[in-house]
Amino acid sequence: MPDKGRVISQTYYEKQSKLFKLYRELFQRDELNIEDTIKALRNIGFSKTIAASRINEWKAQLNQDELKPETVKEKKHRQKQMASLEKYMFRMRLGKKKYDEYM
């Protein structure tokens, strides 16, 4: 794939991949429907077609048996972590000045 000149930092990449994994887990647990998952993936930088293809891959690999039951504490921790990562992603995409104006 040709390089389009977009350079991201290692921290940004790690947080983006962690958020991607959280969205996948939410989708597998049926906490996000297909439309919301596509919107979430678009917010972290995927195009609509790539997001749809990722979701189709997840549906093909879906195995409810491998998901362990989670406690309320784990669920709250995941929600806090996801909110923090989303905030970081929006701040990086908009820039600090625009993000402050938006908030």
N, C-alpha and C. Protein backbone atom coordinates (compact mmCIF):
# COMPACT_ATOMS: atom_id res chain seq x y z
N MET A 1 0.85 -1.18 0.00
CA MET A 1 0.00 0.00 0.00
C MET A 1 0.89 1.23 0.00
N PRO A 2 0.61 2.17 -0.86
CA PRO A 2 1.45 3.36 -0.92
C PRO A 2 1.29 4.24 0.31
N ASP A 3 2.38 4.90 0.66
CA ASP A 3 2.37 5.80 1.80
C ASP A 3 1.72 7.11 1.38
N LYS A 4 0.71 7.53 2.13
CA LYS A 4 0.00 8.77 1.79
C LYS A 4 0.54 9.97 2.56
N GLY A 5 1.64 9.78 3.27
CA GLY A 5 2.25 10.89 3.96
C GLY A 5 1.70 11.15 5.34
N ARG A 6 0.81 10.30 5.82
CA ARG A 6 0.22 10.51 7.14
C ARG A 6 1.08 9.81 8.18
N VAL A 7 1.65 10.57 9.05
CA VAL A 7 2.51 10.02 10.09
C VAL A 7 1.79 10.16 11.42
N ILE A 8 1.71 9.07 12.16
CA ILE A 8 1.09 9.12 13.48
C ILE A 8 2.11 8.66 14.51
N SER A 9 1.94 9.14 15.72
CA SER A 9 2.88 8.78 16.77
C SER A 9 2.58 7.37 17.28
N GLN A 10 3.53 6.82 17.96
CA GLN A 10 3.37 5.48 18.52
C GLN A 10 2.25 5.46 19.55
N THR A 11 2.15 6.50 20.36
CA THR A 11 1.10 6.57 21.37
C THR A 11 -0.27 6.61 20.72
N TYR A 12 -0.41 7.41 19.68
CA TYR A 12 -1.69 7.52 18.97
C TYR A 12 -2.07 6.16 18.40
N TYR A 13 -1.12 5.48 17.79
CA TYR A 13 -1.38 4.17 17.20
C TYR A 13 -1.81 3.16 18.27
N GLU A 14 -1.13 3.15 19.41
CA GLU A 14 -1.46 2.21 20.48
C GLU A 14 -2.86 2.48 21.03
N LYS A 15 -3.19 3.75 21.21
CA LYS A 15 -4.52 4.08 21.72
C LYS A 15 -5.60 3.77 20.70
N GLN A 16 -5.30 4.01 19.43
CA GLN A 16 -6.25 3.70 18.38
C GLN A 16 -6.50 2.19 18.31
N SER A 17 -5.46 1.40 18.40
CA SER A 17 -5.64 -0.05 18.33
C SER A 17 -6.36 -0.58 19.58
N LYS A 18 -6.11 0.02 20.74
CA LYS A 18 -6.81 -0.38 21.96
C LYS A 18 -8.30 -0.06 21.84
N LEU A 19 -8.63 1.10 21.31
CA LEU A 19 -10.02 1.48 21.12
C LEU A 19 -10.69 0.57 20.10
N PHE A 20 -9.96 0.20 19.06
CA PHE A 20 -10.46 -0.73 18.05
C PHE A 20 -10.82 -2.07 18.70
N LYS A 21 -9.97 -2.56 19.59
CA LYS A 21 -10.23 -3.82 20.29
C LYS A 21 -11.44 -3.71 21.22
N LEU A 22 -11.58 -2.55 21.86
CA LEU A 22 -12.74 -2.34 22.73
C LEU A 22 -14.04 -2.35 21.92
N TYR A 23 -14.02 -1.70 20.76
CA TYR A 23 -15.21 -1.70 19.90
C TYR A 23 -15.54 -3.12 19.45
N ARG A 24 -14.51 -3.88 19.13
CA ARG A 24 -14.73 -5.27 18.71
C ARG A 24 -15.37 -6.07 19.83
N GLU A 25 -14.87 -5.90 21.04
CA GLU A 25 -15.43 -6.63 22.18
C GLU A 25 -16.87 -6.22 22.43
N LEU A 26 -17.15 -4.92 22.33
CA LEU A 26 -18.53 -4.46 22.51
C LEU A 26 -19.46 -5.05 21.46
N PHE A 27 -18.98 -5.11 20.23
CA PHE A 27 -19.78 -5.67 19.15
C PHE A 27 -20.04 -7.15 19.39
N GLN A 28 -19.02 -7.87 19.84
CA GLN A 28 -19.18 -9.29 20.11
C GLN A 28 -20.11 -9.56 21.27
N ARG A 29 -20.16 -8.65 22.21
CA ARG A 29 -21.06 -8.81 23.36
C ARG A 29 -22.46 -8.26 23.07
N ASP A 30 -22.71 -7.84 21.86
CA ASP A 30 -24.00 -7.28 21.42
C ASP A 30 -24.38 -6.01 22.18
N GLU A 31 -23.40 -5.24 22.59
CA GLU A 31 -23.65 -3.96 23.24
C GLU A 31 -23.68 -2.82 22.22
N LEU A 32 -23.12 -3.05 21.04
CA LEU A 32 -23.17 -2.09 19.93
C LEU A 32 -23.80 -2.79 18.73
N ASN A 33 -24.74 -2.10 18.08
CA ASN A 33 -25.28 -2.68 16.86
C ASN A 33 -24.39 -2.30 15.67
N ILE A 34 -24.73 -2.76 14.50
CA ILE A 34 -23.87 -2.59 13.33
C ILE A 34 -23.70 -1.12 12.97
N GLU A 35 -24.79 -0.36 12.97
CA GLU A 35 -24.71 1.07 12.59
C GLU A 35 -23.84 1.86 13.56
N ASP A 36 -24.02 1.62 14.85
CA ASP A 36 -23.22 2.33 15.85
C ASP A 36 -21.75 1.94 15.77
N THR A 37 -21.49 0.69 15.46
CA THR A 37 -20.11 0.24 15.33
C THR A 37 -19.44 0.89 14.13
N ILE A 38 -20.18 1.01 13.03
CA ILE A 38 -19.62 1.68 11.85
C ILE A 38 -19.31 3.14 12.18
N LYS A 39 -20.22 3.82 12.87
CA LYS A 39 -19.98 5.21 13.26
C LYS A 39 -18.76 5.33 14.18
N ALA A 40 -18.64 4.40 15.11
CA ALA A 40 -17.50 4.43 16.03
C ALA A 40 -16.19 4.22 15.29
N LEU A 41 -16.16 3.28 14.36
CA LEU A 41 -14.94 3.04 13.59
C LEU A 41 -14.62 4.21 12.67
N ARG A 42 -15.64 4.87 12.15
CA ARG A 42 -15.41 6.05 11.32
C ARG A 42 -14.78 7.17 12.15
N ASN A 43 -15.17 7.27 13.42
CA ASN A 43 -14.62 8.31 14.29
C ASN A 43 -13.14 8.11 14.58
N ILE A 44 -12.66 6.88 14.51
CA ILE A 44 -11.24 6.67 14.78
C ILE A 44 -10.42 6.59 13.50
N GLY A 45 -11.05 6.85 12.34
CA GLY A 45 -10.26 6.99 11.13
C GLY A 45 -10.51 5.99 10.02
N PHE A 46 -11.42 5.07 10.19
CA PHE A 46 -11.71 4.11 9.13
C PHE A 46 -12.73 4.69 8.16
N SER A 47 -12.64 4.31 6.89
CA SER A 47 -13.66 4.73 5.93
C SER A 47 -14.89 3.85 6.13
N LYS A 48 -15.99 4.25 5.51
CA LYS A 48 -17.24 3.52 5.69
C LYS A 48 -17.14 2.09 5.15
N THR A 49 -16.51 1.92 4.00
CA THR A 49 -16.40 0.58 3.41
C THR A 49 -15.46 -0.32 4.21
N ILE A 50 -14.37 0.24 4.68
CA ILE A 50 -13.43 -0.55 5.50
C ILE A 50 -14.08 -0.93 6.82
N ALA A 51 -14.81 0.01 7.44
CA ALA A 51 -15.49 -0.29 8.70
C ALA A 51 -16.52 -1.40 8.50
N ALA A 52 -17.25 -1.35 7.40
CA ALA A 52 -18.24 -2.39 7.12
C ALA A 52 -17.57 -3.74 6.89
N SER A 53 -16.44 -3.74 6.21
CA SER A 53 -15.74 -5.01 5.97
C SER A 53 -15.17 -5.57 7.28
N ARG A 54 -14.69 -4.70 8.17
CA ARG A 54 -14.21 -5.17 9.48
C ARG A 54 -15.34 -5.82 10.26
N ILE A 55 -16.51 -5.22 10.22
CA ILE A 55 -17.66 -5.76 10.95
C ILE A 55 -18.07 -7.11 10.37
N ASN A 56 -18.03 -7.22 9.05
CA ASN A 56 -18.34 -8.51 8.42
C ASN A 56 -17.34 -9.58 8.84
N GLU A 57 -16.07 -9.21 8.96
CA GLU A 57 -15.06 -10.15 9.45
C GLU A 57 -15.36 -10.57 10.88
N TRP A 58 -15.75 -9.61 11.71
CA TRP A 58 -16.06 -9.91 13.10
C TRP A 58 -17.25 -10.85 13.19
N LYS A 59 -18.27 -10.62 12.35
CA LYS A 59 -19.44 -11.49 12.37
C LYS A 59 -19.06 -12.91 11.96
N ALA A 60 -18.17 -13.04 11.00
CA ALA A 60 -17.75 -14.36 10.54
C ALA A 60 -16.95 -15.09 11.63
N GLN A 61 -16.21 -14.35 12.43
CA GLN A 61 -15.38 -14.94 13.48
C GLN A 61 -16.08 -15.03 14.82
N LEU A 62 -17.33 -14.57 14.87
CA LEU A 62 -18.05 -14.45 16.13
C LEU A 62 -18.20 -15.81 16.81
N ASN A 63 -17.77 -15.86 18.05
CA ASN A 63 -17.90 -17.07 18.86
C ASN A 63 -18.23 -16.63 20.27
N GLN A 64 -19.49 -16.75 20.64
CA GLN A 64 -19.94 -16.29 21.95
C GLN A 64 -19.36 -17.14 23.09
N ASP A 65 -18.97 -18.36 22.79
CA ASP A 65 -18.47 -19.25 23.84
C ASP A 65 -17.14 -18.78 24.43
N GLU A 66 -16.31 -18.13 23.63
CA GLU A 66 -15.00 -17.71 24.12
C GLU A 66 -15.06 -16.45 24.98
N LEU A 67 -16.20 -15.74 24.98
CA LEU A 67 -16.34 -14.55 25.82
C LEU A 67 -16.68 -14.97 27.24
N LYS A 68 -15.85 -14.56 28.17
CA LYS A 68 -16.12 -14.91 29.56
C LYS A 68 -17.13 -13.91 30.12
N PRO A 69 -17.91 -14.34 31.10
CA PRO A 69 -18.84 -13.39 31.73
C PRO A 69 -18.06 -12.30 32.44
N GLU A 70 -18.58 -11.09 32.38
CA GLU A 70 -17.85 -9.99 33.00
C GLU A 70 -18.62 -9.44 34.19
N THR A 71 -17.88 -8.91 35.13
CA THR A 71 -18.48 -8.34 36.32
C THR A 71 -18.85 -6.88 36.04
N VAL A 72 -19.59 -6.30 36.93
CA VAL A 72 -19.97 -4.90 36.80
C VAL A 72 -18.73 -4.01 36.87
N LYS A 73 -17.79 -4.39 37.71
CA LYS A 73 -16.55 -3.62 37.83
C LYS A 73 -15.77 -3.61 36.52
N GLU A 74 -15.67 -4.76 35.86
CA GLU A 74 -14.97 -4.82 34.57
C GLU A 74 -15.69 -3.99 33.51
N LYS A 75 -17.00 -4.04 33.52
CA LYS A 75 -17.78 -3.28 32.55
C LYS A 75 -17.59 -1.77 32.74
N LYS A 76 -17.62 -1.31 33.98
CA LYS A 76 -17.41 0.11 34.27
C LYS A 76 -16.00 0.54 33.89
N HIS A 77 -15.03 -0.32 34.17
CA HIS A 77 -13.64 -0.01 33.82
C HIS A 77 -13.50 0.12 32.30
N ARG A 78 -14.12 -0.79 31.56
CA ARG A 78 -14.06 -0.73 30.10
C ARG A 78 -14.72 0.54 29.58
N GLN A 79 -15.85 0.93 30.16
CA GLN A 79 -16.54 2.14 29.73
C GLN A 79 -15.70 3.39 30.00
N LYS A 80 -15.06 3.46 31.15
CA LYS A 80 -14.20 4.59 31.47
C LYS A 80 -13.00 4.65 30.54
N GLN A 81 -12.42 3.50 30.29
CA GLN A 81 -11.27 3.43 29.40
C GLN A 81 -11.66 3.85 27.98
N MET A 82 -12.82 3.41 27.52
CA MET A 82 -13.28 3.76 26.19
C MET A 82 -13.55 5.26 26.09
N ALA A 83 -14.17 5.83 27.11
CA ALA A 83 -14.45 7.27 27.10
C ALA A 83 -13.15 8.07 27.06
N SER A 84 -12.17 7.65 27.82
CA SER A 84 -10.88 8.33 27.84
C SER A 84 -10.19 8.24 26.48
N LEU A 85 -10.20 7.06 25.87
CA LEU A 85 -9.57 6.89 24.57
C LEU A 85 -10.28 7.69 23.48
N GLU A 86 -11.62 7.71 23.53
CA GLU A 86 -12.38 8.49 22.54
C GLU A 86 -12.08 9.98 22.69
N LYS A 87 -11.99 10.44 23.92
CA LYS A 87 -11.66 11.85 24.16
C LYS A 87 -10.29 12.19 23.57
N TYR A 88 -9.32 11.30 23.79
CA TYR A 88 -7.98 11.51 23.25
C TYR A 88 -8.00 11.54 21.73
N MET A 89 -8.73 10.61 21.12
CA MET A 89 -8.79 10.54 19.66
C MET A 89 -9.42 11.81 19.08
N PHE A 90 -10.51 12.27 19.67
CA PHE A 90 -11.15 13.49 19.18
C PHE A 90 -10.23 14.69 19.34
N ARG A 91 -9.54 14.74 20.46
CA ARG A 91 -8.64 15.87 20.71
C ARG A 91 -7.50 15.89 19.69
N MET A 92 -6.97 14.73 19.37
CA MET A 92 -5.87 14.65 18.40
C MET A 92 -6.35 14.95 16.98
N ARG A 93 -7.54 14.51 16.64
CA ARG A 93 -8.05 14.75 15.28
C ARG A 93 -8.46 16.21 15.08
N LEU A 94 -9.05 16.81 16.11
CA LEU A 94 -9.49 18.20 15.98
C LEU A 94 -8.38 19.20 16.25
N GLY A 95 -7.46 18.85 17.08
CA GLY A 95 -6.45 19.78 17.53
C GLY A 95 -6.90 20.38 18.84
N LYS A 96 -5.97 20.81 19.65
CA LYS A 96 -6.29 21.30 21.00
C LYS A 96 -7.20 22.52 20.97
N LYS A 97 -6.92 23.46 20.10
CA LYS A 97 -7.70 24.70 20.06
C LYS A 97 -9.15 24.43 19.64
N LYS A 98 -9.34 23.68 18.57
CA LYS A 98 -10.69 23.36 18.09
C LYS A 98 -11.43 22.49 19.10
N TYR A 99 -10.71 21.57 19.74
CA TYR A 99 -11.33 20.69 20.73
C TYR A 99 -11.84 21.52 21.91
N ASP A 100 -11.03 22.47 22.38
CA ASP A 100 -11.45 23.33 23.49
C ASP A 100 -12.68 24.15 23.12
N GLU A 101 -12.72 24.65 21.87
CA GLU A 101 -13.89 25.39 21.40
C GLU A 101 -15.11 24.49 21.36
N TYR A 102 -14.92 23.27 20.90
CA TYR A 102 -16.03 22.31 20.78
C TYR A 102 -16.59 21.96 22.14
N MET A 103 -15.69 21.76 23.10
CA MET A 103 -16.14 21.36 24.44
C MET A 103 -16.67 22.58 25.19
